Amino acid sequence: MTNIKKQLSPEQTEELLSLLKTRFEKNRNLHEGIDWDKVQEKLEANPEKLWALDEMEITGGEPDVVGFDQKTGEYIFYDCSAETPKERRSLCYDRAAWESRKANKPENTAMDLAAEMGIELLNEEEYQELQQLGKFDLKTSSWLKTPSDVRKLGGAIFGDRRFDRVFIYHNGADSYYAARGFRGALRV
């Protein structure tokens, strides 16, 4: 396995920070009371986290700050694209589900891709929090981090918004659809 350099060049860093700052200022409702300069300071001190945010951006996630964890001192980023990120769709849930498919295996899995990107799938609670900040996944759906008892039985959960309500559903973890991807979370 090749060792991927998980660090951006100075030019890429400057470009990403500029993009994130612009998005941060545009979407103040997502992070009231949070100071961008403090967020940027944290990001600059954590180049691997900047790399992960760039991966979120490249795959269509439009990451933005959605909160601050008082206990850990971390800023929380979620994918805030209107629909599930375009470059993270048509994935089954995890490696075990992928391996269980006899035919028509997808290119990757949500859990594997998230790990490669250095992020976590949103869990059910985080997805509900995101949906309080706006209307997401009106035409798509997003795999969610699935509780182990559900996963042990072969299932996985996903969410979307339809009829102005947020729904959490279940499916076989080996299923995949062109309109289902996953949203990530990153703590810095």
C-alpha atoms as a PDB file:
ATOM      1  CA  MET A   1       0.000   0.000   0.000  1.00  0.00           C
ATOM      2  CA  THR A   2       1.401   3.387  -0.950  1.00  0.00           C
ATOM      3  CA  ASN A   3       1.843   6.027   1.678  1.00  0.00           C
ATOM      4  CA  ILE A   4      -0.265   8.990   0.610  1.00  0.00           C
ATOM      5  CA  LYS A   5       1.086  12.367   1.650  1.00  0.00           C
ATOM      6  CA  LYS A   6      -1.782  13.849   3.608  1.00  0.00           C
ATOM      7  CA  GLN A   7      -0.643  17.434   3.447  1.00  0.00           C
ATOM      8  CA  LEU A   8      -1.489  20.261   1.067  1.00  0.00           C
ATOM      9  CA  SER A   9       1.045  22.524  -0.591  1.00  0.00           C
ATOM     10  CA  PRO A  10       1.195  26.123   0.688  1.00  0.00           C
ATOM     11  CA  GLU A  11      -0.750  27.227  -2.414  1.00  0.00           C
ATOM     12  CA  GLN A  12      -3.432  24.575  -1.926  1.00  0.00           C
ATOM     13  CA  THR A  13      -3.673  25.499   1.769  1.00  0.00           C
ATOM     14  CA  GLU A  14      -4.142  29.179   0.968  1.00  0.00           C
ATOM     15  CA  GLU A  15      -6.760  28.393  -1.676  1.00  0.00           C
ATOM     16  CA  LEU A  16      -8.715  26.041   0.613  1.00  0.00           C
ATOM     17  CA  LEU A  17      -8.611  28.441   3.587  1.00  0.00           C
ATOM     18  CA  SER A  18      -9.898  31.236   1.353  1.00  0.00           C
ATOM     19  CA  LEU A  19     -12.749  29.056   0.090  1.00  0.00           C
ATOM     20  CA  LEU A  20     -13.658  27.900   3.616  1.00  0.00           C
ATOM     21  CA  LYS A  21     -13.581  31.470   4.944  1.00  0.00           C
ATOM     22  CA  THR A  22     -15.868  32.685   2.137  1.00  0.00           C
ATOM     23  CA  ARG A  23     -18.306  29.833   2.819  1.00  0.00           C
ATOM     24  CA  PHE A  24     -18.085  30.489   6.579  1.00  0.00           C
ATOM     25  CA  GLU A  25     -18.986  34.165   6.088  1.00  0.00           C
ATOM     26  CA  LYS A  26     -21.801  33.318   3.653  1.00  0.00           C
ATOM     27  CA  ASN A  27     -23.410  30.784   6.013  1.00  0.00           C
ATOM     28  CA  ARG A  28     -23.200  32.548   9.396  1.00  0.00           C
ATOM     29  CA  ASN A  29     -26.435  30.845  10.483  1.00  0.00           C
ATOM     30  CA  LEU A  30     -24.557  27.529  10.664  1.00  0.00           C
ATOM     31  CA  HIS A  31     -22.076  28.717  13.282  1.00  0.00           C
ATOM     32  CA  GLU A  32     -23.308  31.714  15.255  1.00  0.00           C
ATOM     33  CA  GLY A  33     -20.805  32.969  17.808  1.00  0.00           C
ATOM     34  CA  ILE A  34     -17.796  31.237  16.231  1.00  0.00           C
ATOM     35  CA  ASP A  35     -14.804  33.354  15.192  1.00  0.00           C
ATOM     36  CA  TRP A  36     -13.210  32.417  11.846  1.00  0.00           C
ATOM     37  CA  ASP A  37      -9.722  33.521  12.946  1.00  0.00           C
ATOM     38  CA  LYS A  38      -9.755  30.904  15.728  1.00  0.00           C
ATOM     39  CA  VAL A  39     -10.972  28.234  13.311  1.00  0.00           C
ATOM     40  CA  GLN A  40      -8.220  29.126  10.839  1.00  0.00           C
ATOM     41  CA  GLU A  41      -5.599  29.031  13.590  1.00  0.00           C
ATOM     42  CA  LYS A  42      -6.686  25.475  14.489  1.00  0.00           C
ATOM     43  CA  LEU A  43      -6.678  24.430  10.843  1.00  0.00           C
ATOM     44  CA  GLU A  44      -3.207  25.814  10.198  1.00  0.00           C
ATOM     45  CA  ALA A  45      -1.911  23.860  13.209  1.00  0.00           C
ATOM     46  CA  ASN A  46      -3.402  20.607  11.845  1.00  0.00           C
ATOM     47  CA  PRO A  47      -2.307  20.068   8.208  1.00  0.00           C
ATOM     48  CA  GLU A  48      -3.759  16.538   8.088  1.00  0.00           C
ATOM     49  CA  LYS A  49      -7.181  17.972   8.979  1.00  0.00           C
ATOM     50  CA  LEU A  50      -6.834  20.547   6.193  1.00  0.00           C
ATOM     51  CA  TRP A  51      -6.041  17.670   3.834  1.00  0.00           C
ATOM     52  CA  ALA A  52      -9.217  15.866   4.968  1.00  0.00           C
ATOM     53  CA  LEU A  53     -11.291  19.036   4.445  1.00  0.00           C
ATOM     54  CA  ASP A  54      -9.824  19.300   0.949  1.00  0.00           C
ATOM     55  CA  GLU A  55     -10.907  15.711   0.286  1.00  0.00           C
ATOM     56  CA  MET A  56     -14.406  16.637   1.475  1.00  0.00           C
ATOM     57  CA  GLU A  57     -14.368  19.620  -0.897  1.00  0.00           C
ATOM     58  CA  ILE A  58     -12.994  17.695  -3.901  1.00  0.00           C
ATOM     59  CA  THR A  59     -15.739  15.081  -3.578  1.00  0.00           C
ATOM     60  CA  GLY A  60     -18.503  17.704  -3.486  1.00  0.00           C
ATOM     61  CA  GLY A  61     -19.196  17.965   0.245  1.00  0.00           C
ATOM     62  CA  GLU A  62     -18.931  21.746   0.698  1.00  0.00           C
ATOM     63  CA  PRO A  63     -17.669  21.389   4.290  1.00  0.00           C
ATOM     64  CA  ASP A  64     -18.489  24.133   6.777  1.00  0.00           C
ATOM     65  CA  VAL A  65     -18.221  24.715  10.508  1.00  0.00           C
ATOM     66  CA  VAL A  66     -21.401  23.662  12.315  1.00  0.00           C
ATOM     67  CA  GLY A  67     -20.319  23.865  15.933  1.00  0.00           C
ATOM     68  CA  PHE A  68     -17.726  23.959  18.673  1.00  0.00           C
ATOM     69  CA  ASP A  69     -17.304  21.228  21.278  1.00  0.00           C
ATOM     70  CA  GLN A  70     -16.687  22.963  24.619  1.00  0.00           C
ATOM     71  CA  LYS A  71     -15.393  19.740  26.219  1.00  0.00           C
ATOM     72  CA  THR A  72     -12.731  18.958  23.620  1.00  0.00           C
ATOM     73  CA  GLY A  73     -12.057  22.448  22.254  1.00  0.00           C
ATOM     74  CA  GLU A  74     -12.690  21.186  18.718  1.00  0.00           C
ATOM     75  CA  TYR A  75     -14.480  22.867  15.839  1.00  0.00           C
ATOM     76  CA  ILE A  76     -16.905  20.563  14.048  1.00  0.00           C
ATOM     77  CA  PHE A  77     -17.225  20.472  10.263  1.00  0.00           C
ATOM     78  CA  TYR A  78     -19.970  18.643   8.353  1.00  0.00           C
ATOM     79  CA  ASP A  79     -20.579  18.224   4.645  1.00  0.00           C
ATOM     80  CA  CYS A  80     -23.149  20.951   3.955  1.00  0.00           C
ATOM     81  CA  SER A  81     -23.827  20.389   0.250  1.00  0.00           C
ATOM     82  CA  ALA A  82     -27.545  20.511  -0.546  1.00  0.00           C
ATOM     83  CA  GLU A  83     -27.466  16.887  -1.745  1.00  0.00           C
ATOM     84  CA  THR A  84     -25.222  14.033  -0.650  1.00  0.00           C
ATOM     85  CA  PRO A  85     -21.725  14.649  -2.129  1.00  0.00           C
ATOM     86  CA  LYS A  86     -21.636  13.727  -5.831  1.00  0.00           C
ATOM     87  CA  GLU A  87     -18.307  11.918  -5.798  1.00  0.00           C
ATOM     88  CA  ARG A  88     -19.332   9.726  -2.850  1.00  0.00           C
ATOM     89  CA  ARG A  89     -22.389   7.957  -4.253  1.00  0.00           C
ATOM     90  CA  SER A  90     -23.093   4.405  -5.442  1.00  0.00           C
ATOM     91  CA  LEU A  91     -21.282   2.873  -2.473  1.00  0.00           C
ATOM     92  CA  CYS A  92     -22.391   0.015  -0.273  1.00  0.00           C
ATOM     93  CA  TYR A  93     -22.007   0.555   3.467  1.00  0.00           C
ATOM     94  CA  ASP A  94     -18.788  -1.260   4.482  1.00  0.00           C
ATOM     95  CA  ARG A  95     -16.161  -3.814   3.430  1.00  0.00           C
ATOM     96  CA  ALA A  96     -18.049  -6.807   4.867  1.00  0.00           C
ATOM     97  CA  ALA A  97     -21.112  -5.817   2.825  1.00  0.00           C
ATOM     98  CA  TRP A  98     -18.972  -5.310  -0.288  1.00  0.00           C
ATOM     99  CA  GLU A  99     -17.354  -8.727   0.123  1.00  0.00           C
ATOM    100  CA  SER A 100     -20.743 -10.402   0.593  1.00  0.00           C
ATOM    101  CA  ARG A 101     -21.934  -9.258  -2.840  1.00  0.00           C
ATOM    102  CA  LYS A 102     -21.619 -12.014  -5.401  1.00  0.00           C
ATOM    103  CA  ALA A 103     -21.962  -9.744  -8.445  1.00  0.00           C
ATOM    104  CA  ASN A 104     -22.072  -6.077  -9.440  1.00  0.00           C
ATOM    105  CA  LYS A 105     -19.845  -4.858  -6.641  1.00  0.00           C
ATOM    106  CA  PRO A 106     -19.632  -1.083  -6.297  1.00  0.00           C
ATOM    107  CA  GLU A 107     -16.290   0.633  -6.686  1.00  0.00           C
ATOM    108  CA  ASN A 108     -15.882   1.257  -2.950  1.00  0.00           C
ATOM    109  CA  THR A 109     -17.700   1.436   0.377  1.00  0.00           C
ATOM    110  CA  ALA A 110     -18.838   4.428   2.416  1.00  0.00           C
ATOM    111  CA  MET A 111     -16.855   3.382   5.495  1.00  0.00           C
ATOM    112  CA  ASP A 112     -13.655   2.672   3.543  1.00  0.00           C
ATOM    113  CA  LEU A 113     -13.796   5.919   1.594  1.00  0.00           C
ATOM    114  CA  ALA A 114     -14.474   7.931   4.748  1.00  0.00           C
ATOM    115  CA  ALA A 115     -11.446   6.320   6.426  1.00  0.00           C
ATOM    116  CA  GLU A 116      -9.272   7.055   3.366  1.00  0.00           C
ATOM    117  CA  MET A 117     -10.413  10.685   3.537  1.00  0.00           C
ATOM    118  CA  GLY A 118      -9.745  10.972   7.280  1.00  0.00           C
ATOM    119  CA  ILE A 119     -13.384  11.679   8.200  1.00  0.00           C
ATOM    120  CA  GLU A 120     -16.278   9.912   9.941  1.00  0.00           C
ATOM    121  CA  LEU A 121     -19.762   9.235   8.601  1.00  0.00           C
ATOM    122  CA  LEU A 122     -22.406  11.334  10.321  1.00  0.00           C
ATOM    123  CA  ASN A 123     -24.326   9.344  12.897  1.00  0.00           C
ATOM    124  CA  GLU A 124     -28.096   9.591  13.298  1.00  0.00           C
ATOM    125  CA  GLU A 125     -27.897  12.347  15.928  1.00  0.00           C
ATOM    126  CA  GLU A 126     -25.458  14.422  13.858  1.00  0.00           C
ATOM    127  CA  TYR A 127     -27.648  14.009  10.782  1.00  0.00           C
ATOM    128  CA  GLN A 128     -30.663  15.284  12.716  1.00  0.00           C
ATOM    129  CA  GLU A 129     -28.547  18.255  13.932  1.00  0.00           C
ATOM    130  CA  LEU A 130     -27.513  19.030  10.352  1.00  0.00           C
ATOM    131  CA  GLN A 131     -31.134  18.937   9.222  1.00  0.00           C
ATOM    132  CA  GLN A 132     -31.967  21.558  11.888  1.00  0.00           C
ATOM    133  CA  LEU A 133     -29.546  23.932  10.128  1.00  0.00           C
ATOM    134  CA  GLY A 134     -31.180  23.675   6.697  1.00  0.00           C
ATOM    135  CA  LYS A 135     -32.856  21.346   4.233  1.00  0.00           C
ATOM    136  CA  PHE A 136     -30.498  18.653   2.979  1.00  0.00           C
ATOM    137  CA  ASP A 137     -30.932  15.516   0.860  1.00  0.00           C
ATOM    138  CA  LEU A 138     -34.204  16.522  -0.776  1.00  0.00           C
ATOM    139  CA  LYS A 139     -33.441  14.291  -3.797  1.00  0.00           C
ATOM    140  CA  THR A 140     -30.673  12.045  -2.447  1.00  0.00           C
ATOM    141  CA  SER A 141     -29.961  10.076   0.719  1.00  0.00           C
ATOM    142  CA  SER A 142     -26.903   9.579   2.921  1.00  0.00           C
ATOM    143  CA  TRP A 143     -25.571   6.463   4.645  1.00  0.00           C
ATOM    144  CA  LEU A 144     -25.214   7.064   8.394  1.00  0.00           C
ATOM    145  CA  LYS A 145     -22.893   5.469  10.923  1.00  0.00           C
ATOM    146  CA  THR A 146     -24.907   2.404  11.850  1.00  0.00           C
ATOM    147  CA  PRO A 147     -25.284   1.045  15.389  1.00  0.00           C
ATOM    148  CA  SER A 148     -23.438  -2.268  15.778  1.00  0.00           C
ATOM    149  CA  ASP A 149     -26.593  -4.221  16.703  1.00  0.00           C
ATOM    150  CA  VAL A 150     -28.213  -3.233  13.387  1.00  0.00           C
ATOM    151  CA  ARG A 151     -25.029  -3.913  11.444  1.00  0.00           C
ATOM    152  CA  LYS A 152     -24.613  -7.378  13.004  1.00  0.00           C
ATOM    153  CA  LEU A 153     -27.995  -8.290  11.523  1.00  0.00           C
ATOM    154  CA  GLY A 154     -26.867  -7.256   8.016  1.00  0.00           C
ATOM    155  CA  GLY A 155     -28.468  -3.821   7.906  1.00  0.00           C
ATOM    156  CA  ALA A 156     -27.319  -0.240   7.737  1.00  0.00           C
ATOM    157  CA  ILE A 157     -29.163   3.054   8.158  1.00  0.00           C
ATOM    158  CA  PHE A 158     -29.460   6.111   5.955  1.00  0.00           C
ATOM    159  CA  GLY A 159     -31.358   9.374   6.059  1.00  0.00           C
ATOM    160  CA  ASP A 160     -32.987  11.930   3.809  1.00  0.00           C
ATOM    161  CA  ARG A 161     -35.581  14.708   3.854  1.00  0.00           C
ATOM    162  CA  ARG A 162     -38.913  14.215   2.123  1.00  0.00           C
ATOM    163  CA  PHE A 163     -42.278  15.929   2.620  1.00  0.00           C
ATOM    164  CA  ASP A 164     -40.485  18.474   4.847  1.00  0.00           C
ATOM    165  CA  ARG A 165     -39.596  15.713   7.341  1.00  0.00           C
ATOM    166  CA  VAL A 166     -36.334  13.951   8.105  1.00  0.00           C
ATOM    167  CA  PHE A 167     -36.542  10.194   7.729  1.00  0.00           C
ATOM    168  CA  ILE A 168     -34.104   7.555   8.956  1.00  0.00           C
ATOM    169  CA  TYR A 169     -34.439   4.256   7.110  1.00  0.00           C
ATOM    170  CA  HIS A 170     -32.728   0.900   6.908  1.00  0.00           C
ATOM    171  CA  ASN A 171     -31.442  -1.162   4.026  1.00  0.00           C
ATOM    172  CA  GLY A 172     -29.207  -4.150   3.482  1.00  0.00           C
ATOM    173  CA  ALA A 173     -25.645  -2.890   3.984  1.00  0.00           C
ATOM    174  CA  ASP A 174     -24.667  -4.424   0.637  1.00  0.00           C
ATOM    175  CA  SER A 175     -27.123  -2.273  -1.329  1.00  0.00           C
ATOM    176  CA  TYR A 176     -26.041   0.787  -3.258  1.00  0.00           C
ATOM    177  CA  TYR A 177     -27.812   3.406  -5.316  1.00  0.00           C
ATOM    178  CA  ALA A 178     -26.841   6.261  -7.609  1.00  0.00           C
ATOM    179  CA  ALA A 179     -28.632   8.734  -5.328  1.00  0.00           C
ATOM    180  CA  ARG A 180     -27.160   7.472  -2.028  1.00  0.00           C
ATOM    181  CA  GLY A 181     -23.795   8.578  -0.728  1.00  0.00           C
ATOM    182  CA  PHE A 182     -22.559   9.687   2.654  1.00  0.00           C
ATOM    183  CA  ARG A 183     -21.903  12.884   4.571  1.00  0.00           C
ATOM    184  CA  GLY A 184     -18.826  13.281   6.686  1.00  0.00           C
ATOM    185  CA  ALA A 185     -17.875  14.917   9.951  1.00  0.00           C
ATOM    186  CA  LEU A 186     -14.451  16.220  10.914  1.00  0.00           C
ATOM    187  CA  ARG A 187     -13.306  17.593  14.248  1.00  0.00           C
ATOM    188  CA  VAL A 188     -10.376  20.013  14.417  1.00  0.00           C
END
